[in-house]
Amino acid sequence: KIMNDPYAGQLSYIRIYSGKLKPGT
């Protein structure tokens, strides 16, 4: 899912199946 937020900009909803997600990845 992708949505635009007036404050945060574009938000992408992600479901992680494996591994880790960190800022800067």
PDBML (XML) file of the C-alpha atoms, coordinates in Angstrom:
<?xml version="1.0" encoding="UTF-8" ?>
<PDBx:datablock datablockName="MODEL"
   xmlns:PDBx="http://pdbml.pdb.org/schema/pdbx-v50.xsd"
   xmlns:xsi="http://www.w3.org/2001/XMLSchema-instance"
   xsi:schemaLocation="http://pdbml.pdb.org/schema/pdbx-v50.xsd pdbx-v50.xsd">
   <PDBx:atom_siteCategory>
      <PDBx:atom_site id="1">
         <PDBx:B_iso_or_equiv>0.00</PDBx:B_iso_or_equiv>
         <PDBx:Cartn_x>0.000</PDBx:Cartn_x>
         <PDBx:Cartn_y>0.000</PDBx:Cartn_y>
         <PDBx:Cartn_z>0.000</PDBx:Cartn_z>
         <PDBx:auth_asym_id>A</PDBx:auth_asym_id>
         <PDBx:auth_atom_id>CA</PDBx:auth_atom_id>
         <PDBx:auth_comp_id>LYS</PDBx:auth_comp_id>
         <PDBx:auth_seq_id>1</PDBx:auth_seq_id>
         <PDBx:group_PDB>ATOM</PDBx:group_PDB>
         <PDBx:label_alt_id xsi:nil="true" />
         <PDBx:label_asym_id>A</PDBx:label_asym_id>
         <PDBx:label_atom_id>CA</PDBx:label_atom_id>
         <PDBx:label_comp_id>LYS</PDBx:label_comp_id>
         <PDBx:label_entity_id>1</PDBx:label_entity_id>
         <PDBx:label_seq_id>1</PDBx:label_seq_id>
         <PDBx:occupancy>1.00</PDBx:occupancy>
         <PDBx:pdbx_PDB_model_num>1</PDBx:pdbx_PDB_model_num>
         <PDBx:type_symbol>C</PDBx:type_symbol>
      </PDBx:atom_site>
      <PDBx:atom_site id="2">
         <PDBx:B_iso_or_equiv>0.00</PDBx:B_iso_or_equiv>
         <PDBx:Cartn_x>1.229</PDBx:Cartn_x>
         <PDBx:Cartn_y>3.486</PDBx:Cartn_y>
         <PDBx:Cartn_z>-0.793</PDBx:Cartn_z>
         <PDBx:auth_asym_id>A</PDBx:auth_asym_id>
         <PDBx:auth_atom_id>CA</PDBx:auth_atom_id>
         <PDBx:auth_comp_id>ILE</PDBx:auth_comp_id>
         <PDBx:auth_seq_id>2</PDBx:auth_seq_id>
         <PDBx:group_PDB>ATOM</PDBx:group_PDB>
         <PDBx:label_alt_id xsi:nil="true" />
         <PDBx:label_asym_id>A</PDBx:label_asym_id>
         <PDBx:label_atom_id>CA</PDBx:label_atom_id>
         <PDBx:label_comp_id>ILE</PDBx:label_comp_id>
         <PDBx:label_entity_id>1</PDBx:label_entity_id>
         <PDBx:label_seq_id>2</PDBx:label_seq_id>
         <PDBx:occupancy>1.00</PDBx:occupancy>
         <PDBx:pdbx_PDB_model_num>1</PDBx:pdbx_PDB_model_num>
         <PDBx:type_symbol>C</PDBx:type_symbol>
      </PDBx:atom_site>
      <PDBx:atom_site id="3">
         <PDBx:B_iso_or_equiv>0.00</PDBx:B_iso_or_equiv>
         <PDBx:Cartn_x>-0.321</PDBx:Cartn_x>
         <PDBx:Cartn_y>6.697</PDBx:Cartn_y>
         <PDBx:Cartn_z>0.463</PDBx:Cartn_z>
         <PDBx:auth_asym_id>A</PDBx:auth_asym_id>
         <PDBx:auth_atom_id>CA</PDBx:auth_atom_id>
         <PDBx:auth_comp_id>MET</PDBx:auth_comp_id>
         <PDBx:auth_seq_id>3</PDBx:auth_seq_id>
         <PDBx:group_PDB>ATOM</PDBx:group_PDB>
         <PDBx:label_alt_id xsi:nil="true" />
         <PDBx:label_asym_id>A</PDBx:label_asym_id>
         <PDBx:label_atom_id>CA</PDBx:label_atom_id>
         <PDBx:label_comp_id>MET</PDBx:label_comp_id>
         <PDBx:label_entity_id>1</PDBx:label_entity_id>
         <PDBx:label_seq_id>3</PDBx:label_seq_id>
         <PDBx:occupancy>1.00</PDBx:occupancy>
         <PDBx:pdbx_PDB_model_num>1</PDBx:pdbx_PDB_model_num>
         <PDBx:type_symbol>C</PDBx:type_symbol>
      </PDBx:atom_site>
      <PDBx:atom_site id="4">
         <PDBx:B_iso_or_equiv>0.00</PDBx:B_iso_or_equiv>
         <PDBx:Cartn_x>0.550</PDBx:Cartn_x>
         <PDBx:Cartn_y>10.364</PDBx:Cartn_y>
         <PDBx:Cartn_z>0.574</PDBx:Cartn_z>
         <PDBx:auth_asym_id>A</PDBx:auth_asym_id>
         <PDBx:auth_atom_id>CA</PDBx:auth_atom_id>
         <PDBx:auth_comp_id>ASN</PDBx:auth_comp_id>
         <PDBx:auth_seq_id>4</PDBx:auth_seq_id>
         <PDBx:group_PDB>ATOM</PDBx:group_PDB>
         <PDBx:label_alt_id xsi:nil="true" />
         <PDBx:label_asym_id>A</PDBx:label_asym_id>
         <PDBx:label_atom_id>CA</PDBx:label_atom_id>
         <PDBx:label_comp_id>ASN</PDBx:label_comp_id>
         <PDBx:label_entity_id>1</PDBx:label_entity_id>
         <PDBx:label_seq_id>4</PDBx:label_seq_id>
         <PDBx:occupancy>1.00</PDBx:occupancy>
         <PDBx:pdbx_PDB_model_num>1</PDBx:pdbx_PDB_model_num>
         <PDBx:type_symbol>C</PDBx:type_symbol>
      </PDBx:atom_site>
      <PDBx:atom_site id="5">
         <PDBx:B_iso_or_equiv>0.00</PDBx:B_iso_or_equiv>
         <PDBx:Cartn_x>0.639</PDBx:Cartn_x>
         <PDBx:Cartn_y>12.032</PDBx:Cartn_y>
         <PDBx:Cartn_z>3.937</PDBx:Cartn_z>
         <PDBx:auth_asym_id>A</PDBx:auth_asym_id>
         <PDBx:auth_atom_id>CA</PDBx:auth_atom_id>
         <PDBx:auth_comp_id>ASP</PDBx:auth_comp_id>
         <PDBx:auth_seq_id>5</PDBx:auth_seq_id>
         <PDBx:group_PDB>ATOM</PDBx:group_PDB>
         <PDBx:label_alt_id xsi:nil="true" />
         <PDBx:label_asym_id>A</PDBx:label_asym_id>
         <PDBx:label_atom_id>CA</PDBx:label_atom_id>
         <PDBx:label_comp_id>ASP</PDBx:label_comp_id>
         <PDBx:label_entity_id>1</PDBx:label_entity_id>
         <PDBx:label_seq_id>5</PDBx:label_seq_id>
         <PDBx:occupancy>1.00</PDBx:occupancy>
         <PDBx:pdbx_PDB_model_num>1</PDBx:pdbx_PDB_model_num>
         <PDBx:type_symbol>C</PDBx:type_symbol>
      </PDBx:atom_site>
      <PDBx:atom_site id="6">
         <PDBx:B_iso_or_equiv>0.00</PDBx:B_iso_or_equiv>
         <PDBx:Cartn_x>0.535</PDBx:Cartn_x>
         <PDBx:Cartn_y>15.859</PDBx:Cartn_y>
         <PDBx:Cartn_z>4.126</PDBx:Cartn_z>
         <PDBx:auth_asym_id>A</PDBx:auth_asym_id>
         <PDBx:auth_atom_id>CA</PDBx:auth_atom_id>
         <PDBx:auth_comp_id>PRO</PDBx:auth_comp_id>
         <PDBx:auth_seq_id>6</PDBx:auth_seq_id>
         <PDBx:group_PDB>ATOM</PDBx:group_PDB>
         <PDBx:label_alt_id xsi:nil="true" />
         <PDBx:label_asym_id>A</PDBx:label_asym_id>
         <PDBx:label_atom_id>CA</PDBx:label_atom_id>
         <PDBx:label_comp_id>PRO</PDBx:label_comp_id>
         <PDBx:label_entity_id>1</PDBx:label_entity_id>
         <PDBx:label_seq_id>6</PDBx:label_seq_id>
         <PDBx:occupancy>1.00</PDBx:occupancy>
         <PDBx:pdbx_PDB_model_num>1</PDBx:pdbx_PDB_model_num>
         <PDBx:type_symbol>C</PDBx:type_symbol>
      </PDBx:atom_site>
      <PDBx:atom_site id="7">
         <PDBx:B_iso_or_equiv>0.00</PDBx:B_iso_or_equiv>
         <PDBx:Cartn_x>3.323</PDBx:Cartn_x>
         <PDBx:Cartn_y>15.835</PDBx:Cartn_y>
         <PDBx:Cartn_z>6.755</PDBx:Cartn_z>
         <PDBx:auth_asym_id>A</PDBx:auth_asym_id>
         <PDBx:auth_atom_id>CA</PDBx:auth_atom_id>
         <PDBx:auth_comp_id>TYR</PDBx:auth_comp_id>
         <PDBx:auth_seq_id>7</PDBx:auth_seq_id>
         <PDBx:group_PDB>ATOM</PDBx:group_PDB>
         <PDBx:label_alt_id xsi:nil="true" />
         <PDBx:label_asym_id>A</PDBx:label_asym_id>
         <PDBx:label_atom_id>CA</PDBx:label_atom_id>
         <PDBx:label_comp_id>TYR</PDBx:label_comp_id>
         <PDBx:label_entity_id>1</PDBx:label_entity_id>
         <PDBx:label_seq_id>7</PDBx:label_seq_id>
         <PDBx:occupancy>1.00</PDBx:occupancy>
         <PDBx:pdbx_PDB_model_num>1</PDBx:pdbx_PDB_model_num>
         <PDBx:type_symbol>C</PDBx:type_symbol>
      </PDBx:atom_site>
      <PDBx:atom_site id="8">
         <PDBx:B_iso_or_equiv>0.00</PDBx:B_iso_or_equiv>
         <PDBx:Cartn_x>5.391</PDBx:Cartn_x>
         <PDBx:Cartn_y>12.722</PDBx:Cartn_y>
         <PDBx:Cartn_z>6.147</PDBx:Cartn_z>
         <PDBx:auth_asym_id>A</PDBx:auth_asym_id>
         <PDBx:auth_atom_id>CA</PDBx:auth_atom_id>
         <PDBx:auth_comp_id>ALA</PDBx:auth_comp_id>
         <PDBx:auth_seq_id>8</PDBx:auth_seq_id>
         <PDBx:group_PDB>ATOM</PDBx:group_PDB>
         <PDBx:label_alt_id xsi:nil="true" />
         <PDBx:label_asym_id>A</PDBx:label_asym_id>
         <PDBx:label_atom_id>CA</PDBx:label_atom_id>
         <PDBx:label_comp_id>ALA</PDBx:label_comp_id>
         <PDBx:label_entity_id>1</PDBx:label_entity_id>
         <PDBx:label_seq_id>8</PDBx:label_seq_id>
         <PDBx:occupancy>1.00</PDBx:occupancy>
         <PDBx:pdbx_PDB_model_num>1</PDBx:pdbx_PDB_model_num>
         <PDBx:type_symbol>C</PDBx:type_symbol>
      </PDBx:atom_site>
      <PDBx:atom_site id="9">
         <PDBx:B_iso_or_equiv>0.00</PDBx:B_iso_or_equiv>
         <PDBx:Cartn_x>5.248</PDBx:Cartn_x>
         <PDBx:Cartn_y>12.652</PDBx:Cartn_y>
         <PDBx:Cartn_z>2.351</PDBx:Cartn_z>
         <PDBx:auth_asym_id>A</PDBx:auth_asym_id>
         <PDBx:auth_atom_id>CA</PDBx:auth_atom_id>
         <PDBx:auth_comp_id>GLY</PDBx:auth_comp_id>
         <PDBx:auth_seq_id>9</PDBx:auth_seq_id>
         <PDBx:group_PDB>ATOM</PDBx:group_PDB>
         <PDBx:label_alt_id xsi:nil="true" />
         <PDBx:label_asym_id>A</PDBx:label_asym_id>
         <PDBx:label_atom_id>CA</PDBx:label_atom_id>
         <PDBx:label_comp_id>GLY</PDBx:label_comp_id>
         <PDBx:label_entity_id>1</PDBx:label_entity_id>
         <PDBx:label_seq_id>9</PDBx:label_seq_id>
         <PDBx:occupancy>1.00</PDBx:occupancy>
         <PDBx:pdbx_PDB_model_num>1</PDBx:pdbx_PDB_model_num>
         <PDBx:type_symbol>C</PDBx:type_symbol>
      </PDBx:atom_site>
      <PDBx:atom_site id="10">
         <PDBx:B_iso_or_equiv>0.00</PDBx:B_iso_or_equiv>
         <PDBx:Cartn_x>4.898</PDBx:Cartn_x>
         <PDBx:Cartn_y>9.327</PDBx:Cartn_y>
         <PDBx:Cartn_z>0.608</PDBx:Cartn_z>
         <PDBx:auth_asym_id>A</PDBx:auth_asym_id>
         <PDBx:auth_atom_id>CA</PDBx:auth_atom_id>
         <PDBx:auth_comp_id>GLN</PDBx:auth_comp_id>
         <PDBx:auth_seq_id>10</PDBx:auth_seq_id>
         <PDBx:group_PDB>ATOM</PDBx:group_PDB>
         <PDBx:label_alt_id xsi:nil="true" />
         <PDBx:label_asym_id>A</PDBx:label_asym_id>
         <PDBx:label_atom_id>CA</PDBx:label_atom_id>
         <PDBx:label_comp_id>GLN</PDBx:label_comp_id>
         <PDBx:label_entity_id>1</PDBx:label_entity_id>
         <PDBx:label_seq_id>10</PDBx:label_seq_id>
         <PDBx:occupancy>1.00</PDBx:occupancy>
         <PDBx:pdbx_PDB_model_num>1</PDBx:pdbx_PDB_model_num>
         <PDBx:type_symbol>C</PDBx:type_symbol>
      </PDBx:atom_site>
      <PDBx:atom_site id="11">
         <PDBx:B_iso_or_equiv>0.00</PDBx:B_iso_or_equiv>
         <PDBx:Cartn_x>4.387</PDBx:Cartn_x>
         <PDBx:Cartn_y>6.376</PDBx:Cartn_y>
         <PDBx:Cartn_z>2.943</PDBx:Cartn_z>
         <PDBx:auth_asym_id>A</PDBx:auth_asym_id>
         <PDBx:auth_atom_id>CA</PDBx:auth_atom_id>
         <PDBx:auth_comp_id>LEU</PDBx:auth_comp_id>
         <PDBx:auth_seq_id>11</PDBx:auth_seq_id>
         <PDBx:group_PDB>ATOM</PDBx:group_PDB>
         <PDBx:label_alt_id xsi:nil="true" />
         <PDBx:label_asym_id>A</PDBx:label_asym_id>
         <PDBx:label_atom_id>CA</PDBx:label_atom_id>
         <PDBx:label_comp_id>LEU</PDBx:label_comp_id>
         <PDBx:label_entity_id>1</PDBx:label_entity_id>
         <PDBx:label_seq_id>11</PDBx:label_seq_id>
         <PDBx:occupancy>1.00</PDBx:occupancy>
         <PDBx:pdbx_PDB_model_num>1</PDBx:pdbx_PDB_model_num>
         <PDBx:type_symbol>C</PDBx:type_symbol>
      </PDBx:atom_site>
      <PDBx:atom_site id="12">
         <PDBx:B_iso_or_equiv>0.00</PDBx:B_iso_or_equiv>
         <PDBx:Cartn_x>4.955</PDBx:Cartn_x>
         <PDBx:Cartn_y>2.844</PDBx:Cartn_y>
         <PDBx:Cartn_z>1.705</PDBx:Cartn_z>
         <PDBx:auth_asym_id>A</PDBx:auth_asym_id>
         <PDBx:auth_atom_id>CA</PDBx:auth_atom_id>
         <PDBx:auth_comp_id>SER</PDBx:auth_comp_id>
         <PDBx:auth_seq_id>12</PDBx:auth_seq_id>
         <PDBx:group_PDB>ATOM</PDBx:group_PDB>
         <PDBx:label_alt_id xsi:nil="true" />
         <PDBx:label_asym_id>A</PDBx:label_asym_id>
         <PDBx:label_atom_id>CA</PDBx:label_atom_id>
         <PDBx:label_comp_id>SER</PDBx:label_comp_id>
         <PDBx:label_entity_id>1</PDBx:label_entity_id>
         <PDBx:label_seq_id>12</PDBx:label_seq_id>
         <PDBx:occupancy>1.00</PDBx:occupancy>
         <PDBx:pdbx_PDB_model_num>1</PDBx:pdbx_PDB_model_num>
         <PDBx:type_symbol>C</PDBx:type_symbol>
      </PDBx:atom_site>
      <PDBx:atom_site id="13">
         <PDBx:B_iso_or_equiv>0.00</PDBx:B_iso_or_equiv>
         <PDBx:Cartn_x>3.480</PDBx:Cartn_x>
         <PDBx:Cartn_y>0.007</PDBx:Cartn_y>
         <PDBx:Cartn_z>3.750</PDBx:Cartn_z>
         <PDBx:auth_asym_id>A</PDBx:auth_asym_id>
         <PDBx:auth_atom_id>CA</PDBx:auth_atom_id>
         <PDBx:auth_comp_id>TYR</PDBx:auth_comp_id>
         <PDBx:auth_seq_id>13</PDBx:auth_seq_id>
         <PDBx:group_PDB>ATOM</PDBx:group_PDB>
         <PDBx:label_alt_id xsi:nil="true" />
         <PDBx:label_asym_id>A</PDBx:label_asym_id>
         <PDBx:label_atom_id>CA</PDBx:label_atom_id>
         <PDBx:label_comp_id>TYR</PDBx:label_comp_id>
         <PDBx:label_entity_id>1</PDBx:label_entity_id>
         <PDBx:label_seq_id>13</PDBx:label_seq_id>
         <PDBx:occupancy>1.00</PDBx:occupancy>
         <PDBx:pdbx_PDB_model_num>1</PDBx:pdbx_PDB_model_num>
         <PDBx:type_symbol>C</PDBx:type_symbol>
      </PDBx:atom_site>
      <PDBx:atom_site id="14">
         <PDBx:B_iso_or_equiv>0.00</PDBx:B_iso_or_equiv>
         <PDBx:Cartn_x>5.642</PDBx:Cartn_x>
         <PDBx:Cartn_y>-3.101</PDBx:Cartn_y>
         <PDBx:Cartn_z>3.650</PDBx:Cartn_z>
         <PDBx:auth_asym_id>A</PDBx:auth_asym_id>
         <PDBx:auth_atom_id>CA</PDBx:auth_atom_id>
         <PDBx:auth_comp_id>ILE</PDBx:auth_comp_id>
         <PDBx:auth_seq_id>14</PDBx:auth_seq_id>
         <PDBx:group_PDB>ATOM</PDBx:group_PDB>
         <PDBx:label_alt_id xsi:nil="true" />
         <PDBx:label_asym_id>A</PDBx:label_asym_id>
         <PDBx:label_atom_id>CA</PDBx:label_atom_id>
         <PDBx:label_comp_id>ILE</PDBx:label_comp_id>
         <PDBx:label_entity_id>1</PDBx:label_entity_id>
         <PDBx:label_seq_id>14</PDBx:label_seq_id>
         <PDBx:occupancy>1.00</PDBx:occupancy>
         <PDBx:pdbx_PDB_model_num>1</PDBx:pdbx_PDB_model_num>
         <PDBx:type_symbol>C</PDBx:type_symbol>
      </PDBx:atom_site>
      <PDBx:atom_site id="15">
         <PDBx:B_iso_or_equiv>0.00</PDBx:B_iso_or_equiv>
         <PDBx:Cartn_x>5.278</PDBx:Cartn_x>
         <PDBx:Cartn_y>-6.619</PDBx:Cartn_y>
         <PDBx:Cartn_z>4.957</PDBx:Cartn_z>
         <PDBx:auth_asym_id>A</PDBx:auth_asym_id>
         <PDBx:auth_atom_id>CA</PDBx:auth_atom_id>
         <PDBx:auth_comp_id>ARG</PDBx:auth_comp_id>
         <PDBx:auth_seq_id>15</PDBx:auth_seq_id>
         <PDBx:group_PDB>ATOM</PDBx:group_PDB>
         <PDBx:label_alt_id xsi:nil="true" />
         <PDBx:label_asym_id>A</PDBx:label_asym_id>
         <PDBx:label_atom_id>CA</PDBx:label_atom_id>
         <PDBx:label_comp_id>ARG</PDBx:label_comp_id>
         <PDBx:label_entity_id>1</PDBx:label_entity_id>
         <PDBx:label_seq_id>15</PDBx:label_seq_id>
         <PDBx:occupancy>1.00</PDBx:occupancy>
         <PDBx:pdbx_PDB_model_num>1</PDBx:pdbx_PDB_model_num>
         <PDBx:type_symbol>C</PDBx:type_symbol>
      </PDBx:atom_site>
      <PDBx:atom_site id="16">
         <PDBx:B_iso_or_equiv>0.00</PDBx:B_iso_or_equiv>
         <PDBx:Cartn_x>8.673</PDBx:Cartn_x>
         <PDBx:Cartn_y>-8.194</PDBx:Cartn_y>
         <PDBx:Cartn_z>5.705</PDBx:Cartn_z>
         <PDBx:auth_asym_id>A</PDBx:auth_asym_id>
         <PDBx:auth_atom_id>CA</PDBx:auth_atom_id>
         <PDBx:auth_comp_id>ILE</PDBx:auth_comp_id>
         <PDBx:auth_seq_id>16</PDBx:auth_seq_id>
         <PDBx:group_PDB>ATOM</PDBx:group_PDB>
         <PDBx:label_alt_id xsi:nil="true" />
         <PDBx:label_asym_id>A</PDBx:label_asym_id>
         <PDBx:label_atom_id>CA</PDBx:label_atom_id>
         <PDBx:label_comp_id>ILE</PDBx:label_comp_id>
         <PDBx:label_entity_id>1</PDBx:label_entity_id>
         <PDBx:label_seq_id>16</PDBx:label_seq_id>
         <PDBx:occupancy>1.00</PDBx:occupancy>
         <PDBx:pdbx_PDB_model_num>1</PDBx:pdbx_PDB_model_num>
         <PDBx:type_symbol>C</PDBx:type_symbol>
      </PDBx:atom_site>
      <PDBx:atom_site id="17">
         <PDBx:B_iso_or_equiv>0.00</PDBx:B_iso_or_equiv>
         <PDBx:Cartn_x>8.965</PDBx:Cartn_x>
         <PDBx:Cartn_y>-11.906</PDBx:Cartn_y>
         <PDBx:Cartn_z>4.991</PDBx:Cartn_z>
         <PDBx:auth_asym_id>A</PDBx:auth_asym_id>
         <PDBx:auth_atom_id>CA</PDBx:auth_atom_id>
         <PDBx:auth_comp_id>TYR</PDBx:auth_comp_id>
         <PDBx:auth_seq_id>17</PDBx:auth_seq_id>
         <PDBx:group_PDB>ATOM</PDBx:group_PDB>
         <PDBx:label_alt_id xsi:nil="true" />
         <PDBx:label_asym_id>A</PDBx:label_asym_id>
         <PDBx:label_atom_id>CA</PDBx:label_atom_id>
         <PDBx:label_comp_id>TYR</PDBx:label_comp_id>
         <PDBx:label_entity_id>1</PDBx:label_entity_id>
         <PDBx:label_seq_id>17</PDBx:label_seq_id>
         <PDBx:occupancy>1.00</PDBx:occupancy>
         <PDBx:pdbx_PDB_model_num>1</PDBx:pdbx_PDB_model_num>
         <PDBx:type_symbol>C</PDBx:type_symbol>
      </PDBx:atom_site>
      <PDBx:atom_site id="18">
         <PDBx:B_iso_or_equiv>0.00</PDBx:B_iso_or_equiv>
         <PDBx:Cartn_x>12.698</PDBx:Cartn_x>
         <PDBx:Cartn_y>-12.318</PDBx:Cartn_y>
         <PDBx:Cartn_z>5.645</PDBx:Cartn_z>
         <PDBx:auth_asym_id>A</PDBx:auth_asym_id>
         <PDBx:auth_atom_id>CA</PDBx:auth_atom_id>
         <PDBx:auth_comp_id>SER</PDBx:auth_comp_id>
         <PDBx:auth_seq_id>18</PDBx:auth_seq_id>
         <PDBx:group_PDB>ATOM</PDBx:group_PDB>
         <PDBx:label_alt_id xsi:nil="true" />
         <PDBx:label_asym_id>A</PDBx:label_asym_id>
         <PDBx:label_atom_id>CA</PDBx:label_atom_id>
         <PDBx:label_comp_id>SER</PDBx:label_comp_id>
         <PDBx:label_entity_id>1</PDBx:label_entity_id>
         <PDBx:label_seq_id>18</PDBx:label_seq_id>
         <PDBx:occupancy>1.00</PDBx:occupancy>
         <PDBx:pdbx_PDB_model_num>1</PDBx:pdbx_PDB_model_num>
         <PDBx:type_symbol>C</PDBx:type_symbol>
      </PDBx:atom_site>
      <PDBx:atom_site id="19">
         <PDBx:B_iso_or_equiv>0.00</PDBx:B_iso_or_equiv>
         <PDBx:Cartn_x>15.600</PDBx:Cartn_x>
         <PDBx:Cartn_y>-10.213</PDBx:Cartn_y>
         <PDBx:Cartn_z>6.888</PDBx:Cartn_z>
         <PDBx:auth_asym_id>A</PDBx:auth_asym_id>
         <PDBx:auth_atom_id>CA</PDBx:auth_atom_id>
         <PDBx:auth_comp_id>GLY</PDBx:auth_comp_id>
         <PDBx:auth_seq_id>19</PDBx:auth_seq_id>
         <PDBx:group_PDB>ATOM</PDBx:group_PDB>
         <PDBx:label_alt_id xsi:nil="true" />
         <PDBx:label_asym_id>A</PDBx:label_asym_id>
         <PDBx:label_atom_id>CA</PDBx:label_atom_id>
         <PDBx:label_comp_id>GLY</PDBx:label_comp_id>
         <PDBx:label_entity_id>1</PDBx:label_entity_id>
         <PDBx:label_seq_id>19</PDBx:label_seq_id>
         <PDBx:occupancy>1.00</PDBx:occupancy>
         <PDBx:pdbx_PDB_model_num>1</PDBx:pdbx_PDB_model_num>
         <PDBx:type_symbol>C</PDBx:type_symbol>
      </PDBx:atom_site>
      <PDBx:atom_site id="20">
         <PDBx:B_iso_or_equiv>0.00</PDBx:B_iso_or_equiv>
         <PDBx:Cartn_x>15.580</PDBx:Cartn_x>
         <PDBx:Cartn_y>-6.790</PDBx:Cartn_y>
         <PDBx:Cartn_z>8.561</PDBx:Cartn_z>
         <PDBx:auth_asym_id>A</PDBx:auth_asym_id>
         <PDBx:auth_atom_id>CA</PDBx:auth_atom_id>
         <PDBx:auth_comp_id>LYS</PDBx:auth_comp_id>
         <PDBx:auth_seq_id>20</PDBx:auth_seq_id>
         <PDBx:group_PDB>ATOM</PDBx:group_PDB>
         <PDBx:label_alt_id xsi:nil="true" />
         <PDBx:label_asym_id>A</PDBx:label_asym_id>
         <PDBx:label_atom_id>CA</PDBx:label_atom_id>
         <PDBx:label_comp_id>LYS</PDBx:label_comp_id>
         <PDBx:label_entity_id>1</PDBx:label_entity_id>
         <PDBx:label_seq_id>20</PDBx:label_seq_id>
         <PDBx:occupancy>1.00</PDBx:occupancy>
         <PDBx:pdbx_PDB_model_num>1</PDBx:pdbx_PDB_model_num>
         <PDBx:type_symbol>C</PDBx:type_symbol>
      </PDBx:atom_site>
      <PDBx:atom_site id="21">
         <PDBx:B_iso_or_equiv>0.00</PDBx:B_iso_or_equiv>
         <PDBx:Cartn_x>14.736</PDBx:Cartn_x>
         <PDBx:Cartn_y>-3.307</PDBx:Cartn_y>
         <PDBx:Cartn_z>7.369</PDBx:Cartn_z>
         <PDBx:auth_asym_id>A</PDBx:auth_asym_id>
         <PDBx:auth_atom_id>CA</PDBx:auth_atom_id>
         <PDBx:auth_comp_id>LEU</PDBx:auth_comp_id>
         <PDBx:auth_seq_id>21</PDBx:auth_seq_id>
         <PDBx:group_PDB>ATOM</PDBx:group_PDB>
         <PDBx:label_alt_id xsi:nil="true" />
         <PDBx:label_asym_id>A</PDBx:label_asym_id>
         <PDBx:label_atom_id>CA</PDBx:label_atom_id>
         <PDBx:label_comp_id>LEU</PDBx:label_comp_id>
         <PDBx:label_entity_id>1</PDBx:label_entity_id>
         <PDBx:label_seq_id>21</PDBx:label_seq_id>
         <PDBx:occupancy>1.00</PDBx:occupancy>
         <PDBx:pdbx_PDB_model_num>1</PDBx:pdbx_PDB_model_num>
         <PDBx:type_symbol>C</PDBx:type_symbol>
      </PDBx:atom_site>
      <PDBx:atom_site id="22">
         <PDBx:B_iso_or_equiv>0.00</PDBx:B_iso_or_equiv>
         <PDBx:Cartn_x>16.679</PDBx:Cartn_x>
         <PDBx:Cartn_y>-0.382</PDBx:Cartn_y>
         <PDBx:Cartn_z>8.827</PDBx:Cartn_z>
         <PDBx:auth_asym_id>A</PDBx:auth_asym_id>
         <PDBx:auth_atom_id>CA</PDBx:auth_atom_id>
         <PDBx:auth_comp_id>LYS</PDBx:auth_comp_id>
         <PDBx:auth_seq_id>22</PDBx:auth_seq_id>
         <PDBx:group_PDB>ATOM</PDBx:group_PDB>
         <PDBx:label_alt_id xsi:nil="true" />
         <PDBx:label_asym_id>A</PDBx:label_asym_id>
         <PDBx:label_atom_id>CA</PDBx:label_atom_id>
         <PDBx:label_comp_id>LYS</PDBx:label_comp_id>
         <PDBx:label_entity_id>1</PDBx:label_entity_id>
         <PDBx:label_seq_id>22</PDBx:label_seq_id>
         <PDBx:occupancy>1.00</PDBx:occupancy>
         <PDBx:pdbx_PDB_model_num>1</PDBx:pdbx_PDB_model_num>
         <PDBx:type_symbol>C</PDBx:type_symbol>
      </PDBx:atom_site>
      <PDBx:atom_site id="23">
         <PDBx:B_iso_or_equiv>0.00</PDBx:B_iso_or_equiv>
         <PDBx:Cartn_x>16.818</PDBx:Cartn_x>
         <PDBx:Cartn_y>3.308</PDBx:Cartn_y>
         <PDBx:Cartn_z>7.904</PDBx:Cartn_z>
         <PDBx:auth_asym_id>A</PDBx:auth_asym_id>
         <PDBx:auth_atom_id>CA</PDBx:auth_atom_id>
         <PDBx:auth_comp_id>PRO</PDBx:auth_comp_id>
         <PDBx:auth_seq_id>23</PDBx:auth_seq_id>
         <PDBx:group_PDB>ATOM</PDBx:group_PDB>
         <PDBx:label_alt_id xsi:nil="true" />
         <PDBx:label_asym_id>A</PDBx:label_asym_id>
         <PDBx:label_atom_id>CA</PDBx:label_atom_id>
         <PDBx:label_comp_id>PRO</PDBx:label_comp_id>
         <PDBx:label_entity_id>1</PDBx:label_entity_id>
         <PDBx:label_seq_id>23</PDBx:label_seq_id>
         <PDBx:occupancy>1.00</PDBx:occupancy>
         <PDBx:pdbx_PDB_model_num>1</PDBx:pdbx_PDB_model_num>
         <PDBx:type_symbol>C</PDBx:type_symbol>
      </PDBx:atom_site>
      <PDBx:atom_site id="24">
         <PDBx:B_iso_or_equiv>0.00</PDBx:B_iso_or_equiv>
         <PDBx:Cartn_x>19.588</PDBx:Cartn_x>
         <PDBx:Cartn_y>3.825</PDBx:Cartn_y>
         <PDBx:Cartn_z>5.374</PDBx:Cartn_z>
         <PDBx:auth_asym_id>A</PDBx:auth_asym_id>
         <PDBx:auth_atom_id>CA</PDBx:auth_atom_id>
         <PDBx:auth_comp_id>GLY</PDBx:auth_comp_id>
         <PDBx:auth_seq_id>24</PDBx:auth_seq_id>
         <PDBx:group_PDB>ATOM</PDBx:group_PDB>
         <PDBx:label_alt_id xsi:nil="true" />
         <PDBx:label_asym_id>A</PDBx:label_asym_id>
         <PDBx:label_atom_id>CA</PDBx:label_atom_id>
         <PDBx:label_comp_id>GLY</PDBx:label_comp_id>
         <PDBx:label_entity_id>1</PDBx:label_entity_id>
         <PDBx:label_seq_id>24</PDBx:label_seq_id>
         <PDBx:occupancy>1.00</PDBx:occupancy>
         <PDBx:pdbx_PDB_model_num>1</PDBx:pdbx_PDB_model_num>
         <PDBx:type_symbol>C</PDBx:type_symbol>
      </PDBx:atom_site>
      <PDBx:atom_site id="25">
         <PDBx:B_iso_or_equiv>0.00</PDBx:B_iso_or_equiv>
         <PDBx:Cartn_x>19.307</PDBx:Cartn_x>
         <PDBx:Cartn_y>0.295</PDBx:Cartn_y>
         <PDBx:Cartn_z>3.921</PDBx:Cartn_z>
         <PDBx:auth_asym_id>A</PDBx:auth_asym_id>
         <PDBx:auth_atom_id>CA</PDBx:auth_atom_id>
         <PDBx:auth_comp_id>THR</PDBx:auth_comp_id>
         <PDBx:auth_seq_id>25</PDBx:auth_seq_id>
         <PDBx:group_PDB>ATOM</PDBx:group_PDB>
         <PDBx:label_alt_id xsi:nil="true" />
         <PDBx:label_asym_id>A</PDBx:label_asym_id>
         <PDBx:label_atom_id>CA</PDBx:label_atom_id>
         <PDBx:label_comp_id>THR</PDBx:label_comp_id>
         <PDBx:label_entity_id>1</PDBx:label_entity_id>
         <PDBx:label_seq_id>25</PDBx:label_seq_id>
         <PDBx:occupancy>1.00</PDBx:occupancy>
         <PDBx:pdbx_PDB_model_num>1</PDBx:pdbx_PDB_model_num>
         <PDBx:type_symbol>C</PDBx:type_symbol>
      </PDBx:atom_site>
   </PDBx:atom_siteCategory>
</PDBx:datablock>
